[in-house]
Amino acid sequence: MVRVRLETSREHVAELARLRDPVGAVEELVWNALDADCGRVVVTLERNDLGGVDRVRIQDDGYGMSAEDCEEYFRPIGSSWKKRAKGTPVRNRALHGKNGRGRVRAFALGACVRWTSVSETPLGTRQLVIEADRRSMDEFDIGEAESTTEPRGTLCEAFGGEDLDVLADERARSSLTAAFATYLEKYPDVRIEYDGRDLDPAAEQLHAGDYVLDAPSGPCGDPARLRVVEWRRPVPRALFLCDAEGMSRAQLKPGIQAPGFEFTAHLSWGGFEDVDSEQLAFTDWAPDGPLTEMLAAVREQLRAHFRARVDERRREQVAEWRRDGIYPYATDPADERERAERETFDAVATTVFRHLPKSKGTRRTTFALLRSVLSDVLRIADELFALSKQERDELIRLLERTTLSALIKASTAVADRIDFLTALEHLVFAPETKPRAYVLRPAAVAFVPECRSAPCASCPPGAG
């Protein structure tokens, strides 16, 4: 048996292991399997009697690890044979990992980790076992190679860990689907099975957009390309910085607001190949230069993409409302004011629609009320914005002395009285009503308190 000690400190290994990120550990180990030229990877979550995950197995059919190569694979940290390779050994597929950290990420899946690898050698098929313990993460025990009849490939097993139930959550599957989407699209013959089901990015994608950015070209003059993928299920939003082959080198936050969208963005650019992954991870804090200029172009394109998608979704939603008969507008807008009202209604209605009950009658009533309110509000806004500066200042001074409600009541009383006087004037002086109008003058009426029954001499003619 050979004991190999990593050429680094245990503290550094513990930091690289990222023990609180088991989903990221599975992703890293699957990438290692793909870089070993496998055609199929199977991730198995073994559960205990209570249904909790207590063991993880990652099996691939790659070319395995020979005893001669193991020391090179496991001794250096921060370096890998992949940096010198142009592609995978047999199928010449693009390589992902180049920093030699995937093996230590396995400690996030368990306190004990074991690799059982079968490879073809000049002496025949050989199997060897590599074991490691979380208590000494900088040491790996590599066993003697033995003859075997097992098929070629590598099995990584991790057990004795805690808090692995997150791997059984549907969000873990969605995260892995997003991470391997571009690779599975590039190499459709590769299969990744996770907890009994294949990862299928095409079935999970809702929409995708591809753009060529107006940004600095790569070393070979190749343009930067951005692919925006919208997903049907919640995924961790991410901006993947990829090389010209589409392999992710680093992951950043998108840095934009896009409410209602589950998305990832994949930026492919040849210029990333010459930049260390750690440096790429801190691009947002780097001084101004080609990388920051590139990120600014990416985020502007992302904003433009989602502005267009919001408009497209709104048109699709309105068309559906028309088909269901709940849209409160039957005809096209007649003028700019109606068009503005319609656009405001569509924006508000698409925002609140998902919170409404599913009853068609309730939705129709809600939309009718919303239209009525918006119409009144827009009319008030038109009048308010039509005021001159002096009139607005006067209104502000009035509001400082009284409430708007009091102003409305006083204005209503004045308007009612003006309406009454206008009607009276029309009744008395208009040619068509004047002959029929009788004016009772106050001086012609005398009030006689003593007259209680029969007419007397002081009563006016006809009084009683």
Protein backbone atom coordinates (compact mmCIF):
# COMPACT_ATOMS: atom_id res chain seq x y z
CA MET A 1 0.00 0.00 0.00
CA VAL A 2 1.17 3.52 -0.81
CA ARG A 3 0.15 6.54 1.25
CA VAL A 4 0.06 9.80 -0.70
CA ARG A 5 -0.04 13.10 1.12
CA LEU A 6 -1.44 16.12 -0.66
CA GLU A 7 1.03 18.90 -1.17
CA THR A 8 -0.92 21.44 0.88
CA SER A 9 -2.16 22.08 4.41
CA ARG A 10 -5.21 20.38 5.94
CA GLU A 11 -6.81 23.80 6.49
CA HIS A 12 -6.54 24.55 2.80
CA VAL A 13 -8.05 21.17 1.89
CA ALA A 14 -10.96 21.74 4.29
CA GLU A 15 -11.60 25.09 2.66
CA LEU A 16 -11.56 23.59 -0.83
CA ALA A 17 -13.83 20.71 0.22
CA ARG A 18 -16.75 23.09 0.93
CA LEU A 19 -18.35 20.62 3.31
CA ARG A 20 -21.71 22.44 3.41
CA ASP A 21 -22.31 22.08 -0.33
CA PRO A 22 -23.13 18.43 -1.10
CA VAL A 23 -24.92 19.30 -4.37
CA GLY A 24 -21.77 21.05 -5.60
CA ALA A 25 -19.73 18.00 -4.58
CA VAL A 26 -21.92 15.69 -6.68
CA GLU A 27 -21.55 18.08 -9.60
CA GLU A 28 -17.76 18.11 -9.30
CA LEU A 29 -17.51 14.31 -9.11
CA VAL A 30 -19.77 13.90 -12.14
CA TRP A 31 -17.51 16.30 -14.04
CA ASN A 32 -14.56 14.08 -13.10
CA ALA A 33 -16.41 11.09 -14.52
CA LEU A 34 -17.16 12.92 -17.76
CA ASP A 35 -13.51 13.98 -18.06
CA ALA A 36 -12.63 10.26 -17.79
CA ASP A 37 -14.40 9.70 -21.15
CA CYS A 38 -17.41 7.92 -19.70
CA GLY A 39 -20.64 7.55 -21.63
CA ARG A 40 -22.88 7.09 -18.61
CA VAL A 41 -22.81 8.30 -15.02
CA VAL A 42 -25.18 6.98 -12.36
CA VAL A 43 -25.65 8.88 -9.09
CA THR A 44 -27.39 6.72 -6.48
CA LEU A 45 -28.75 8.06 -3.20
CA GLU A 46 -29.03 5.28 -0.64
CA ARG A 47 -31.60 5.88 2.10
CA ASN A 48 -31.89 4.58 5.63
CA ASP A 49 -35.00 3.14 7.32
CA LEU A 50 -36.29 6.66 8.05
CA GLY A 51 -35.99 7.74 4.41
CA GLY A 52 -32.94 9.95 4.94
CA VAL A 53 -29.94 9.88 2.61
CA ASP A 54 -26.90 8.37 4.33
CA ARG A 55 -24.77 7.14 1.41
CA VAL A 56 -23.94 8.43 -2.07
CA ARG A 57 -22.59 6.32 -4.95
CA ILE A 58 -21.32 7.77 -8.24
CA GLN A 59 -20.59 5.11 -10.85
CA ASP A 60 -19.17 5.74 -14.33
CA ASP A 61 -17.98 3.61 -17.25
CA GLY A 62 -14.90 5.72 -18.02
CA TYR A 63 -11.36 4.50 -18.59
CA GLY A 64 -10.59 4.37 -14.83
CA MET A 65 -7.37 5.12 -12.95
CA SER A 66 -4.25 3.00 -13.18
CA ALA A 67 -1.89 2.49 -10.24
CA GLU A 68 0.85 4.30 -12.16
CA ASP A 69 -1.26 7.44 -12.56
CA CYS A 70 -2.77 7.59 -9.08
CA GLU A 71 0.10 9.42 -7.43
CA GLU A 72 -0.06 12.14 -10.06
CA TYR A 73 -3.83 12.32 -9.74
CA PHE A 74 -3.96 12.55 -5.95
CA ARG A 75 -0.74 14.25 -4.83
CA PRO A 76 -0.86 17.82 -6.24
CA ILE A 77 -3.64 20.24 -5.32
CA GLY A 78 -4.52 23.14 -7.58
CA SER A 79 -3.04 21.35 -10.57
CA SER A 80 -4.17 18.56 -12.86
CA TRP A 81 -3.10 16.55 -15.90
CA LYS A 82 -6.05 18.19 -17.65
CA LYS A 83 -4.16 21.46 -17.94
CA ARG A 84 -1.75 19.80 -20.37
CA ALA A 85 -4.43 17.91 -22.30
CA LYS A 86 -6.41 19.24 -25.24
CA GLY A 87 -9.34 16.90 -24.66
CA THR A 88 -10.35 13.59 -23.12
CA PRO A 89 -7.94 10.71 -23.91
CA VAL A 90 -10.21 8.57 -26.10
CA ARG A 91 -13.19 10.58 -27.40
CA ASN A 92 -11.41 13.94 -27.42
CA ARG A 93 -14.30 15.64 -25.69
CA ALA A 94 -13.86 19.03 -24.02
CA LEU A 95 -12.42 18.90 -20.49
CA HIS A 96 -14.04 20.63 -17.56
CA GLY A 97 -11.86 20.50 -14.43
CA LYS A 98 -8.27 21.71 -14.56
CA ASN A 99 -7.54 22.56 -10.92
CA GLY A 100 -7.35 19.11 -9.31
CA ARG A 101 -9.93 19.78 -6.60
CA GLY A 102 -12.77 17.38 -7.38
CA ARG A 103 -11.45 14.58 -5.18
CA VAL A 104 -11.48 16.72 -2.01
CA ARG A 105 -15.03 17.87 -2.75
CA ALA A 106 -16.10 14.27 -2.05
CA PHE A 107 -15.69 14.95 1.69
CA ALA A 108 -18.87 17.07 1.52
CA LEU A 109 -20.75 13.79 0.90
CA GLY A 110 -19.40 11.75 3.78
CA ALA A 111 -16.80 11.30 6.49
CA CYS A 112 -15.39 8.30 4.63
CA VAL A 113 -14.74 8.23 0.88
CA ARG A 114 -13.70 5.26 -1.25
CA TRP A 115 -12.88 5.05 -4.96
CA THR A 116 -12.90 1.65 -6.65
CA SER A 117 -11.40 2.01 -10.11
CA VAL A 118 -11.00 -0.54 -12.89
CA SER A 119 -8.73 0.20 -15.83
CA GLU A 120 -7.18 -1.56 -18.81
CA THR A 121 -3.38 -1.93 -18.45
CA PRO A 122 -0.69 -3.75 -20.45
CA LEU A 123 -0.96 -6.51 -17.82
CA GLY A 124 -4.71 -6.85 -18.22
CA THR A 125 -7.70 -5.47 -16.34
CA ARG A 126 -6.72 -4.17 -12.93
CA GLN A 127 -8.71 -2.87 -9.97
CA LEU A 128 -7.47 -0.65 -7.20
CA VAL A 129 -9.08 1.00 -4.18
CA ILE A 130 -8.35 4.50 -2.86
CA GLU A 131 -9.65 5.43 0.59
CA ALA A 132 -9.69 8.65 2.60
CA ASP A 133 -11.11 9.96 5.85
CA ARG A 134 -12.42 13.43 6.66
CA ARG A 135 -10.28 13.54 9.83
CA SER A 136 -7.15 13.59 7.65
CA MET A 137 -8.32 15.07 4.37
CA ASP A 138 -4.78 15.55 3.09
CA GLU A 139 -4.04 11.80 3.06
CA PHE A 140 -5.23 9.15 0.60
CA ASP A 141 -4.49 5.43 0.92
CA ILE A 142 -3.96 3.79 -2.47
CA GLY A 143 -4.18 -0.02 -2.43
CA GLU A 144 -2.36 -2.55 -4.59
CA ALA A 145 -3.73 -3.17 -8.08
CA GLU A 146 -5.37 -6.57 -8.47
CA SER A 147 -6.64 -8.55 -11.43
CA THR A 148 -10.40 -8.43 -11.91
CA THR A 149 -13.15 -9.32 -14.34
CA GLU A 150 -15.23 -6.26 -13.47
CA PRO A 151 -16.04 -3.82 -16.30
CA ARG A 152 -13.95 -0.72 -16.71
CA GLY A 153 -14.97 2.39 -14.77
CA THR A 154 -14.84 4.10 -11.39
CA LEU A 155 -17.16 3.93 -8.41
CA CYS A 156 -16.96 6.72 -5.81
CA GLU A 157 -18.71 6.00 -2.52
CA ALA A 158 -19.20 8.43 0.37
CA PHE A 159 -20.84 7.55 3.68
CA GLY A 160 -20.95 8.62 7.30
CA GLY A 161 -21.99 12.17 6.43
CA GLU A 162 -24.71 14.46 7.78
CA ASP A 163 -27.30 16.73 6.22
CA LEU A 164 -27.41 14.83 2.92
CA ASP A 165 -31.22 14.97 2.58
CA VAL A 166 -30.81 18.10 0.48
CA LEU A 167 -29.62 15.79 -2.31
CA ALA A 168 -33.10 14.19 -2.47
CA ASP A 169 -34.79 17.54 -2.95
CA GLU A 170 -36.08 18.33 -6.43
CA ARG A 171 -34.06 21.55 -6.35
CA ALA A 172 -30.87 19.48 -6.33
CA ARG A 173 -31.93 17.77 -9.56
CA SER A 174 -32.83 21.14 -11.11
CA SER A 175 -29.47 22.60 -10.12
CA LEU A 176 -27.57 19.69 -11.67
CA THR A 177 -29.73 19.81 -14.80
CA ALA A 178 -28.83 23.47 -15.28
CA ALA A 179 -25.14 22.83 -14.61
CA PHE A 180 -24.83 20.07 -17.24
CA ALA A 181 -27.26 21.52 -19.80
CA THR A 182 -24.70 22.80 -22.30
CA TYR A 183 -22.53 19.66 -22.01
CA LEU A 184 -25.45 17.28 -22.60
CA GLU A 185 -26.55 19.39 -25.55
CA LYS A 186 -23.02 19.31 -26.99
CA TYR A 187 -22.63 15.55 -26.44
CA PRO A 188 -26.08 13.97 -26.79
CA ASP A 189 -24.65 10.43 -26.47
CA VAL A 190 -23.77 11.08 -22.80
CA ARG A 191 -26.28 10.09 -20.09
CA ILE A 192 -26.34 11.26 -16.48
CA GLU A 193 -28.74 9.39 -14.21
CA TYR A 194 -29.55 11.01 -10.87
CA ASP A 195 -31.53 9.20 -8.18
CA GLY A 196 -33.23 6.87 -10.66
CA ARG A 197 -33.97 9.35 -13.49
CA ASP A 198 -31.88 10.79 -16.30
CA LEU A 199 -31.13 14.48 -16.34
CA ASP A 200 -33.06 15.88 -19.30
CA PRO A 201 -32.35 19.60 -19.85
CA ALA A 202 -34.42 19.77 -23.04
CA ALA A 203 -37.57 18.70 -21.18
CA GLU A 204 -36.94 21.20 -18.37
CA GLN A 205 -36.18 24.21 -20.57
CA LEU A 206 -39.02 26.65 -21.13
CA HIS A 207 -37.26 29.05 -23.47
CA ALA A 208 -33.73 29.77 -24.70
CA GLY A 209 -32.16 32.77 -26.40
CA ASP A 210 -28.76 33.03 -28.11
CA TYR A 211 -26.89 36.28 -28.63
CA VAL A 212 -23.57 37.44 -30.06
CA LEU A 213 -22.26 40.23 -27.84
CA ASP A 214 -20.77 43.52 -28.94
CA ALA A 215 -17.73 42.97 -26.72
CA PRO A 216 -13.98 42.26 -27.06
CA SER A 217 -13.21 39.22 -29.22
CA GLY A 218 -11.28 36.23 -27.94
CA PRO A 219 -7.62 35.45 -28.69
CA CYS A 220 -8.55 33.81 -32.00
CA GLY A 221 -10.98 36.57 -32.95
CA ASP A 222 -14.02 34.54 -31.91
CA PRO A 223 -16.93 36.61 -30.59
CA ALA A 224 -18.44 36.28 -27.14
CA ARG A 225 -21.70 34.32 -27.18
CA LEU A 226 -24.42 34.40 -24.56
CA ARG A 227 -27.08 31.75 -24.11
CA VAL A 228 -29.98 32.52 -21.76
CA VAL A 229 -31.97 29.49 -20.61
CA GLU A 230 -35.32 29.81 -18.84
CA TRP A 231 -36.39 26.81 -16.77
CA ARG A 232 -39.75 25.37 -15.82
CA ARG A 233 -38.67 24.71 -12.23
CA PRO A 234 -36.80 26.87 -9.72
CA VAL A 235 -33.02 26.77 -10.24
CA PRO A 236 -30.18 28.69 -8.60
CA ARG A 237 -29.70 31.71 -10.82
CA ALA A 238 -26.17 31.78 -12.19
CA LEU A 239 -23.98 33.31 -14.87
CA PHE A 240 -21.57 30.60 -16.05
CA LEU A 241 -18.30 31.85 -17.55
CA CYS A 242 -17.36 29.23 -20.14
CA ASP A 243 -14.43 28.73 -22.49
CA ALA A 244 -14.81 28.54 -26.25
CA GLU A 245 -15.85 24.88 -25.94
CA GLY A 246 -18.70 25.79 -23.60
CA MET A 247 -17.10 24.29 -20.49
CA SER A 248 -17.79 26.27 -17.32
CA ARG A 249 -14.71 27.89 -15.75
CA ALA A 250 -16.40 29.97 -13.06
CA GLN A 251 -19.83 30.92 -11.78
CA LEU A 252 -21.08 34.41 -10.89
CA LYS A 253 -24.38 35.93 -9.87
CA PRO A 254 -26.32 37.30 -12.87
CA GLY A 255 -26.48 40.76 -11.28
CA ILE A 256 -29.90 41.70 -12.72
CA GLN A 257 -33.54 41.69 -11.59
CA ALA A 258 -35.90 39.42 -13.51
CA PRO A 259 -39.02 38.75 -11.38
CA GLY A 260 -41.01 35.70 -12.38
CA PHE A 261 -38.19 34.03 -14.35
CA GLU A 262 -36.09 30.99 -13.42
CA PHE A 263 -32.96 31.22 -15.55
CA THR A 264 -29.28 30.57 -16.03
CA ALA A 265 -26.95 32.37 -18.44
CA HIS A 266 -23.93 30.81 -20.17
CA LEU A 267 -21.24 33.14 -21.54
CA SER A 268 -18.78 31.41 -23.91
CA TRP A 269 -15.59 33.30 -24.76
CA GLY A 270 -12.11 32.13 -25.72
CA GLY A 271 -10.52 34.79 -23.53
CA PHE A 272 -11.50 32.91 -20.37
CA GLU A 273 -9.07 30.07 -21.15
CA ASP A 274 -6.05 32.18 -20.21
CA VAL A 275 -7.50 33.37 -16.89
CA ASP A 276 -7.31 31.39 -13.66
CA SER A 277 -10.69 30.17 -12.34
CA GLU A 278 -10.18 31.89 -9.00
CA GLN A 279 -9.52 35.17 -10.75
CA LEU A 280 -12.67 34.71 -12.85
CA ALA A 281 -14.71 34.13 -9.69
CA PHE A 282 -13.75 37.63 -8.50
CA THR A 283 -14.30 39.39 -11.82
CA ASP A 284 -17.02 41.59 -10.30
CA TRP A 285 -14.41 43.17 -8.00
CA ALA A 286 -11.67 43.45 -10.60
CA PRO A 287 -10.53 46.88 -11.88
CA ASP A 288 -11.86 48.14 -15.19
CA GLY A 289 -10.65 46.06 -18.12
CA PRO A 290 -11.82 43.62 -20.81
CA LEU A 291 -13.46 41.29 -18.28
CA THR A 292 -15.50 44.01 -16.57
CA GLU A 293 -16.41 45.43 -19.98
CA MET A 294 -17.56 41.96 -20.99
CA LEU A 295 -19.72 41.55 -17.88
CA ALA A 296 -21.32 44.95 -18.45
CA ALA A 297 -22.27 43.90 -22.00
CA VAL A 298 -23.63 40.57 -20.71
CA ARG A 299 -25.86 42.19 -18.10
CA GLU A 300 -27.17 44.77 -20.53
CA GLN A 301 -28.09 41.96 -22.93
CA LEU A 302 -29.77 40.04 -20.10
CA ARG A 303 -31.90 43.09 -19.25
CA ALA A 304 -32.88 43.50 -22.91
CA HIS A 305 -33.72 39.79 -23.14
CA PHE A 306 -36.07 39.86 -20.17
CA ARG A 307 -37.70 43.14 -21.20
CA ALA A 308 -38.60 41.47 -24.48
CA ARG A 309 -39.73 38.31 -22.70
CA VAL A 310 -41.99 40.28 -20.34
CA ASP A 311 -43.70 41.90 -23.34
CA GLU A 312 -44.01 38.52 -25.05
CA ARG A 313 -45.48 36.88 -21.96
CA ARG A 314 -47.94 39.74 -21.58
CA ARG A 315 -49.17 39.38 -25.16
CA GLU A 316 -49.55 35.63 -24.71
CA GLN A 317 -51.46 36.12 -21.46
CA VAL A 318 -53.80 38.72 -22.95
CA ALA A 319 -54.52 36.42 -25.90
CA GLU A 320 -55.44 33.67 -23.43
CA TRP A 321 -57.73 36.03 -21.50
CA ARG A 322 -59.49 36.96 -24.74
CA ARG A 323 -60.05 33.28 -25.53
CA ASP A 324 -61.45 32.73 -22.01
CA GLY A 325 -63.75 35.75 -22.33
CA ILE A 326 -62.49 37.53 -19.19
CA TYR A 327 -60.57 40.39 -20.85
CA PRO A 328 -62.57 43.59 -20.16
CA TYR A 329 -61.73 45.32 -23.49
CA ALA A 330 -63.60 44.17 -26.59
CA THR A 331 -62.13 46.54 -29.21
CA ASP A 332 -58.77 48.06 -30.04
CA PRO A 333 -57.85 51.39 -28.34
CA ALA A 334 -59.25 54.41 -30.17
CA ASP A 335 -56.62 56.97 -29.14
CA GLU A 336 -53.40 57.41 -27.16
CA ARG A 337 -55.22 57.78 -23.86
CA GLU A 338 -57.06 54.48 -24.31
CA ARG A 339 -53.82 52.84 -25.44
CA ALA A 340 -52.07 54.05 -22.28
CA GLU A 341 -54.95 52.77 -20.16
CA ARG A 342 -54.81 49.38 -21.92
CA GLU A 343 -51.04 49.04 -21.42
CA THR A 344 -51.38 49.97 -17.75
CA PHE A 345 -54.15 47.43 -17.29
CA ASP A 346 -52.12 44.67 -18.97
CA ALA A 347 -49.08 45.39 -16.79
CA VAL A 348 -51.06 45.39 -13.55
CA ALA A 349 -53.29 42.45 -14.47
CA THR A 350 -50.38 40.16 -15.45
CA THR A 351 -48.74 40.96 -12.12
CA VAL A 352 -51.75 40.14 -9.93
CA PHE A 353 -53.21 37.35 -12.07
CA ARG A 354 -51.34 34.50 -10.36
CA HIS A 355 -52.80 35.61 -7.00
CA LEU A 356 -56.42 35.49 -8.20
CA PRO A 357 -58.79 32.53 -7.58
CA LYS A 358 -59.12 30.13 -10.49
CA SER A 359 -62.84 30.81 -10.90
CA LYS A 360 -63.44 32.39 -14.31
CA GLY A 361 -66.33 34.47 -12.96
CA THR A 362 -64.22 35.87 -10.14
CA ARG A 363 -61.43 36.76 -12.53
CA ARG A 364 -63.86 38.46 -14.93
CA THR A 365 -65.32 40.55 -12.09
CA THR A 366 -61.86 41.47 -10.77
CA PHE A 367 -60.71 42.57 -14.21
CA ALA A 368 -63.84 44.71 -14.71
CA LEU A 369 -63.28 46.45 -11.36
CA LEU A 370 -59.58 46.94 -12.18
CA ARG A 371 -60.48 48.52 -15.50
CA SER A 372 -62.95 50.89 -13.82
CA VAL A 373 -60.41 51.97 -11.20
CA LEU A 374 -57.65 52.50 -13.78
CA SER A 375 -59.96 54.57 -15.98
CA ASP A 376 -60.81 56.87 -13.07
CA VAL A 377 -57.20 57.12 -11.92
CA LEU A 378 -55.92 57.97 -15.39
CA ARG A 379 -58.61 60.64 -15.80
CA ILE A 380 -57.59 62.22 -12.48
CA ALA A 381 -53.93 62.01 -13.49
CA ASP A 382 -54.69 63.74 -16.81
CA GLU A 383 -56.35 66.63 -15.01
CA LEU A 384 -53.57 66.86 -12.43
CA PHE A 385 -50.77 66.95 -14.98
CA ALA A 386 -52.70 69.51 -17.06
CA LEU A 387 -52.47 72.07 -14.22
CA SER A 388 -50.03 74.93 -14.59
CA LYS A 389 -47.28 75.37 -12.02
CA GLN A 390 -49.19 78.22 -10.37
CA GLU A 391 -52.34 76.09 -10.13
CA ARG A 392 -50.38 73.18 -8.66
CA ASP A 393 -48.81 75.53 -6.10
CA GLU A 394 -52.26 76.81 -5.14
CA LEU A 395 -53.53 73.26 -4.75
CA ILE A 396 -50.57 72.43 -2.51
CA ARG A 397 -51.27 75.49 -0.32
CA LEU A 398 -54.92 74.45 0.01
CA LEU A 399 -53.90 70.92 1.00
CA GLU A 400 -51.65 72.35 3.67
CA ARG A 401 -54.70 74.08 5.23
CA THR A 402 -57.31 71.36 4.79
CA THR A 403 -57.79 67.81 3.56
CA LEU A 404 -58.45 66.70 0.03
CA SER A 405 -61.74 65.18 1.20
CA ALA A 406 -62.89 68.58 2.52
CA LEU A 407 -61.91 70.25 -0.74
CA ILE A 408 -63.91 67.69 -2.71
CA LYS A 409 -67.00 68.17 -0.48
CA ALA A 410 -66.82 71.98 -0.75
CA SER A 411 -66.28 71.83 -4.51
CA THR A 412 -69.21 69.41 -4.85
CA ALA A 413 -71.52 71.75 -2.86
CA VAL A 414 -70.49 74.75 -4.97
CA ALA A 415 -70.92 72.77 -8.19
CA ASP A 416 -74.42 71.60 -7.12
CA ARG A 417 -75.49 75.18 -6.37
CA ILE A 418 -74.11 76.44 -9.64
CA ASP A 419 -75.99 73.67 -11.43
CA PHE A 420 -79.22 74.72 -9.63
CA LEU A 421 -78.79 78.40 -10.53
CA THR A 422 -78.01 77.52 -14.13
CA ALA A 423 -81.15 75.40 -14.34
CA LEU A 424 -83.24 78.15 -12.73
CA GLU A 425 -81.86 80.75 -15.12
CA HIS A 426 -82.73 78.53 -18.05
CA LEU A 427 -86.23 77.93 -16.67
CA VAL A 428 -87.01 81.65 -16.20
CA PHE A 429 -85.28 83.25 -19.17
CA ALA A 430 -85.15 80.67 -21.92
CA PRO A 431 -87.73 81.51 -24.69
CA GLU A 432 -89.15 77.98 -24.72
CA THR A 433 -89.78 77.85 -20.96
CA LYS A 434 -90.40 81.52 -20.05
CA PRO A 435 -94.19 81.60 -20.93
CA ARG A 436 -94.78 78.62 -18.63
CA ALA A 437 -92.80 79.97 -15.68
CA TYR A 438 -94.58 81.64 -12.70
CA VAL A 439 -92.58 83.61 -10.22
CA LEU A 440 -94.05 83.95 -6.76
CA ARG A 441 -92.79 87.17 -5.29
CA PRO A 442 -92.26 87.20 -1.51
CA ALA A 443 -94.00 90.62 -1.09
CA ALA A 444 -97.27 89.20 -2.41
CA VAL A 445 -97.51 86.67 0.37
CA ALA A 446 -98.86 87.74 3.75
CA PHE A 447 -98.89 85.52 6.75
CA VAL A 448 -101.85 86.10 9.03
CA PRO A 449 -101.57 84.14 12.28
CA GLU A 450 -105.23 84.77 13.27
CA CYS A 451 -106.60 83.06 10.15
CA ARG A 452 -107.10 79.47 11.18
CA SER A 453 -110.12 78.29 9.19
CA ALA A 454 -112.49 80.35 7.07
CA PRO A 455 -111.26 83.16 4.74
CA CYS A 456 -111.55 86.69 6.00
CA ALA A 457 -111.23 90.17 4.57
CA SER A 458 -107.46 90.27 5.13
CA CYS A 459 -106.82 87.02 3.21
CA PRO A 460 -105.66 87.23 -0.40
CA PRO A 461 -108.17 86.21 -3.04
CA GLY A 462 -108.53 82.44 -3.16
CA ALA A 463 -106.89 81.87 0.23
CA GLY A 464 -108.48 79.66 2.77
